[in-house]
Amino acid sequence: QVRLVESGGGLVQPGGSLRLSCAASGSIFSFYVMGWYRQTPGKQRELVADIISGSTNYVDSVKGRFTISRDNAKNTVTLQMNSLKPEDTAVYFCNAYPRGGSANYWGQGTQVTVSS
């Protein structure tokens, strides 16, 4: 069983920065895709960024502002968010799944609010 625990959310002013962290316990391997999704009320959860074997993928709206990284030895994935905008306000979820597998794991979510 895999458990994902996020931390680092909060309230920040527009233009500010936040760093989200996700710690995984259980059997997370380097071949797992790890990523961050976000969701606002009434909307579908959307992929923000993911990473596997050093290859990263970002939604267009965060390119150049967000950076995803992972430490396989520590089973952690982080999302550095810079130049935050009000439209980045959402609950952010950590996700992990084995590429080619059927399992899919989610954290409980952490609120990010960008507001003056």
C-alpha atoms as a PDB file:
ATOM      1  CA  GLN A   1       0.000   0.000   0.000  1.00  0.00           C
ATOM      2  CA  VAL A   2       1.246   3.478  -0.882  1.00  0.00           C
ATOM      3  CA  ARG A   3       0.477   6.578   1.146  1.00  0.00           C
ATOM      4  CA  LEU A   4       1.128  10.101  -0.108  1.00  0.00           C
ATOM      5  CA  VAL A   5       1.233  13.071   2.258  1.00  0.00           C
ATOM      6  CA  GLU A   6       1.401  16.637   0.948  1.00  0.00           C
ATOM      7  CA  SER A   7       2.637  19.712   2.770  1.00  0.00           C
ATOM      8  CA  GLY A   8       3.507  23.308   1.997  1.00  0.00           C
ATOM      9  CA  GLY A   9       0.238  24.861   0.922  1.00  0.00           C
ATOM     10  CA  GLY A  10      -1.032  28.157   2.228  1.00  0.00           C
ATOM     11  CA  LEU A  11      -1.929  31.744   1.432  1.00  0.00           C
ATOM     12  CA  VAL A  12       0.400  33.851  -0.688  1.00  0.00           C
ATOM     13  CA  GLN A  13       0.133  37.175  -2.467  1.00  0.00           C
ATOM     14  CA  PRO A  14       0.190  37.359  -6.270  1.00  0.00           C
ATOM     15  CA  GLY A  15       3.747  37.162  -7.516  1.00  0.00           C
ATOM     16  CA  GLY A  16       4.840  35.164  -4.502  1.00  0.00           C
ATOM     17  CA  SER A  17       6.212  31.647  -4.203  1.00  0.00           C
ATOM     18  CA  LEU A  18       5.291  28.416  -2.483  1.00  0.00           C
ATOM     19  CA  ARG A  19       6.941  25.026  -2.353  1.00  0.00           C
ATOM     20  CA  LEU A  20       4.795  21.920  -2.132  1.00  0.00           C
ATOM     21  CA  SER A  21       6.249  18.645  -0.938  1.00  0.00           C
ATOM     22  CA  CYS A  22       4.894  15.114  -1.132  1.00  0.00           C
ATOM     23  CA  ALA A  23       6.303  12.280   0.917  1.00  0.00           C
ATOM     24  CA  ALA A  24       5.510   8.747  -0.173  1.00  0.00           C
ATOM     25  CA  SER A  25       5.498   5.735   2.094  1.00  0.00           C
ATOM     26  CA  GLY A  26       5.238   2.174   0.885  1.00  0.00           C
ATOM     27  CA  SER A  27       6.486   0.726  -2.371  1.00  0.00           C
ATOM     28  CA  ILE A  28       7.260   3.702  -4.601  1.00  0.00           C
ATOM     29  CA  PHE A  29       9.849   2.891  -7.232  1.00  0.00           C
ATOM     30  CA  SER A  30      11.780   4.985  -9.699  1.00  0.00           C
ATOM     31  CA  PHE A  31       9.535   3.748 -12.520  1.00  0.00           C
ATOM     32  CA  TYR A  32       6.491   5.348 -10.908  1.00  0.00           C
ATOM     33  CA  VAL A  33       5.240   8.525 -12.509  1.00  0.00           C
ATOM     34  CA  MET A  34       4.845  11.139  -9.790  1.00  0.00           C
ATOM     35  CA  GLY A  35       2.984  14.346 -10.276  1.00  0.00           C
ATOM     36  CA  TRP A  36       0.840  17.175  -9.028  1.00  0.00           C
ATOM     37  CA  TYR A  37      -2.772  17.853  -9.954  1.00  0.00           C
ATOM     38  CA  ARG A  38      -5.056  20.667  -8.889  1.00  0.00           C
ATOM     39  CA  GLN A  39      -8.781  21.132  -8.582  1.00  0.00           C
ATOM     40  CA  THR A  40     -11.148  24.028  -8.015  1.00  0.00           C
ATOM     41  CA  PRO A  41     -14.833  23.739  -7.074  1.00  0.00           C
ATOM     42  CA  GLY A  42     -16.983  22.614  -9.969  1.00  0.00           C
ATOM     43  CA  LYS A  43     -14.055  21.765 -12.218  1.00  0.00           C
ATOM     44  CA  GLN A  44     -12.264  18.576 -13.098  1.00  0.00           C
ATOM     45  CA  ARG A  45      -8.936  17.786 -11.537  1.00  0.00           C
ATOM     46  CA  GLU A  46      -6.171  18.822 -13.945  1.00  0.00           C
ATOM     47  CA  LEU A  47      -2.581  17.748 -14.295  1.00  0.00           C
ATOM     48  CA  VAL A  48      -0.151  20.502 -13.303  1.00  0.00           C
ATOM     49  CA  ALA A  49       3.146  18.658 -13.743  1.00  0.00           C
ATOM     50  CA  ASP A  50       4.598  15.184 -13.609  1.00  0.00           C
ATOM     51  CA  ILE A  51       8.017  13.564 -13.674  1.00  0.00           C
ATOM     52  CA  ILE A  52       9.452  10.169 -14.558  1.00  0.00           C
ATOM     53  CA  SER A  53      13.103   9.248 -15.103  1.00  0.00           C
ATOM     54  CA  GLY A  54      14.097  12.894 -15.219  1.00  0.00           C
ATOM     55  CA  SER A  55      11.551  13.723 -17.902  1.00  0.00           C
ATOM     56  CA  THR A  56       9.073  16.425 -16.909  1.00  0.00           C
ATOM     57  CA  ASN A  57       5.728  17.537 -18.256  1.00  0.00           C
ATOM     58  CA  TYR A  58       3.858  20.759 -17.443  1.00  0.00           C
ATOM     59  CA  VAL A  59       0.482  22.203 -18.254  1.00  0.00           C
ATOM     60  CA  ASP A  60       0.964  25.265 -20.459  1.00  0.00           C
ATOM     61  CA  SER A  61      -0.364  27.686 -17.858  1.00  0.00           C
ATOM     62  CA  VAL A  62       2.489  26.967 -15.413  1.00  0.00           C
ATOM     63  CA  LYS A  63       5.423  26.575 -17.802  1.00  0.00           C
ATOM     64  CA  GLY A  64       8.294  28.834 -16.814  1.00  0.00           C
ATOM     65  CA  ARG A  65       6.824  29.424 -13.342  1.00  0.00           C
ATOM     66  CA  PHE A  66       6.608  25.971 -11.729  1.00  0.00           C
ATOM     67  CA  THR A  67       9.325  23.355 -11.375  1.00  0.00           C
ATOM     68  CA  ILE A  68       8.775  19.728 -10.411  1.00  0.00           C
ATOM     69  CA  SER A  69      11.528  17.564  -8.980  1.00  0.00           C
ATOM     70  CA  ARG A  70      11.842  14.240  -7.183  1.00  0.00           C
ATOM     71  CA  ASP A  71      14.238  12.437  -4.930  1.00  0.00           C
ATOM     72  CA  ASN A  72      13.910   8.698  -5.482  1.00  0.00           C
ATOM     73  CA  ALA A  73      16.105   7.869  -2.510  1.00  0.00           C
ATOM     74  CA  LYS A  74      13.775   9.786  -0.190  1.00  0.00           C
ATOM     75  CA  ASN A  75      10.543   8.979  -2.060  1.00  0.00           C
ATOM     76  CA  THR A  76       9.616  12.647  -2.312  1.00  0.00           C
ATOM     77  CA  VAL A  77       8.372  14.909  -5.067  1.00  0.00           C
ATOM     78  CA  THR A  78       8.287  18.688  -4.818  1.00  0.00           C
ATOM     79  CA  LEU A  79       6.648  21.464  -6.773  1.00  0.00           C
ATOM     80  CA  GLN A  80       8.313  24.860  -6.638  1.00  0.00           C
ATOM     81  CA  MET A  81       5.754  27.473  -7.602  1.00  0.00           C
ATOM     82  CA  ASN A  82       6.956  30.977  -8.475  1.00  0.00           C
ATOM     83  CA  SER A  83       5.203  34.053  -9.821  1.00  0.00           C
ATOM     84  CA  LEU A  84       1.924  32.746  -8.484  1.00  0.00           C
ATOM     85  CA  LYS A  85      -1.314  34.095  -9.899  1.00  0.00           C
ATOM     86  CA  PRO A  86      -4.835  34.163  -8.445  1.00  0.00           C
ATOM     87  CA  GLU A  87      -5.846  31.563 -11.028  1.00  0.00           C
ATOM     88  CA  ASP A  88      -3.380  29.133  -9.437  1.00  0.00           C
ATOM     89  CA  THR A  89      -5.682  28.987  -6.410  1.00  0.00           C
ATOM     90  CA  ALA A  90      -6.789  25.385  -5.982  1.00  0.00           C
ATOM     91  CA  VAL A  91      -6.418  22.260  -3.912  1.00  0.00           C
ATOM     92  CA  TYR A  92      -3.229  20.558  -5.050  1.00  0.00           C
ATOM     93  CA  PHE A  93      -2.973  16.776  -4.980  1.00  0.00           C
ATOM     94  CA  CYS A  94       0.079  14.553  -5.154  1.00  0.00           C
ATOM     95  CA  ASN A  95      -0.267  11.533  -7.428  1.00  0.00           C
ATOM     96  CA  ALA A  96       1.770   8.418  -8.144  1.00  0.00           C
ATOM     97  CA  TYR A  97       1.229   5.462 -10.451  1.00  0.00           C
ATOM     98  CA  PRO A  98       3.394   2.788 -12.009  1.00  0.00           C
ATOM     99  CA  ARG A  99       3.827   3.358 -15.723  1.00  0.00           C
ATOM    100  CA  GLY A 100       1.931   0.589 -17.475  1.00  0.00           C
ATOM    101  CA  GLY A 101       0.248  -0.511 -14.245  1.00  0.00           C
ATOM    102  CA  SER A 102      -3.293  -0.157 -12.945  1.00  0.00           C
ATOM    103  CA  ALA A 103      -2.625   1.251  -9.480  1.00  0.00           C
ATOM    104  CA  ASN A 104      -3.177   4.953  -8.869  1.00  0.00           C
ATOM    105  CA  TYR A 105      -2.449   6.727  -5.604  1.00  0.00           C
ATOM    106  CA  TRP A 106      -3.530  10.146  -4.332  1.00  0.00           C
ATOM    107  CA  GLY A 107      -2.663  12.333  -1.402  1.00  0.00           C
ATOM    108  CA  GLN A 108      -5.294  14.127   0.649  1.00  0.00           C
ATOM    109  CA  GLY A 109      -4.654  17.485  -0.978  1.00  0.00           C
ATOM    110  CA  THR A 110      -3.294  20.817   0.208  1.00  0.00           C
ATOM    111  CA  GLN A 111      -4.928  24.199  -0.318  1.00  0.00           C
ATOM    112  CA  VAL A 112      -3.067  26.907  -2.208  1.00  0.00           C
ATOM    113  CA  THR A 113      -4.644  30.355  -2.172  1.00  0.00           C
ATOM    114  CA  VAL A 114      -3.183  33.247  -4.135  1.00  0.00           C
ATOM    115  CA  SER A 115      -4.793  36.487  -3.068  1.00  0.00           C
ATOM    116  CA  SER A 116      -3.940  40.010  -2.022  1.00  0.00           C
END
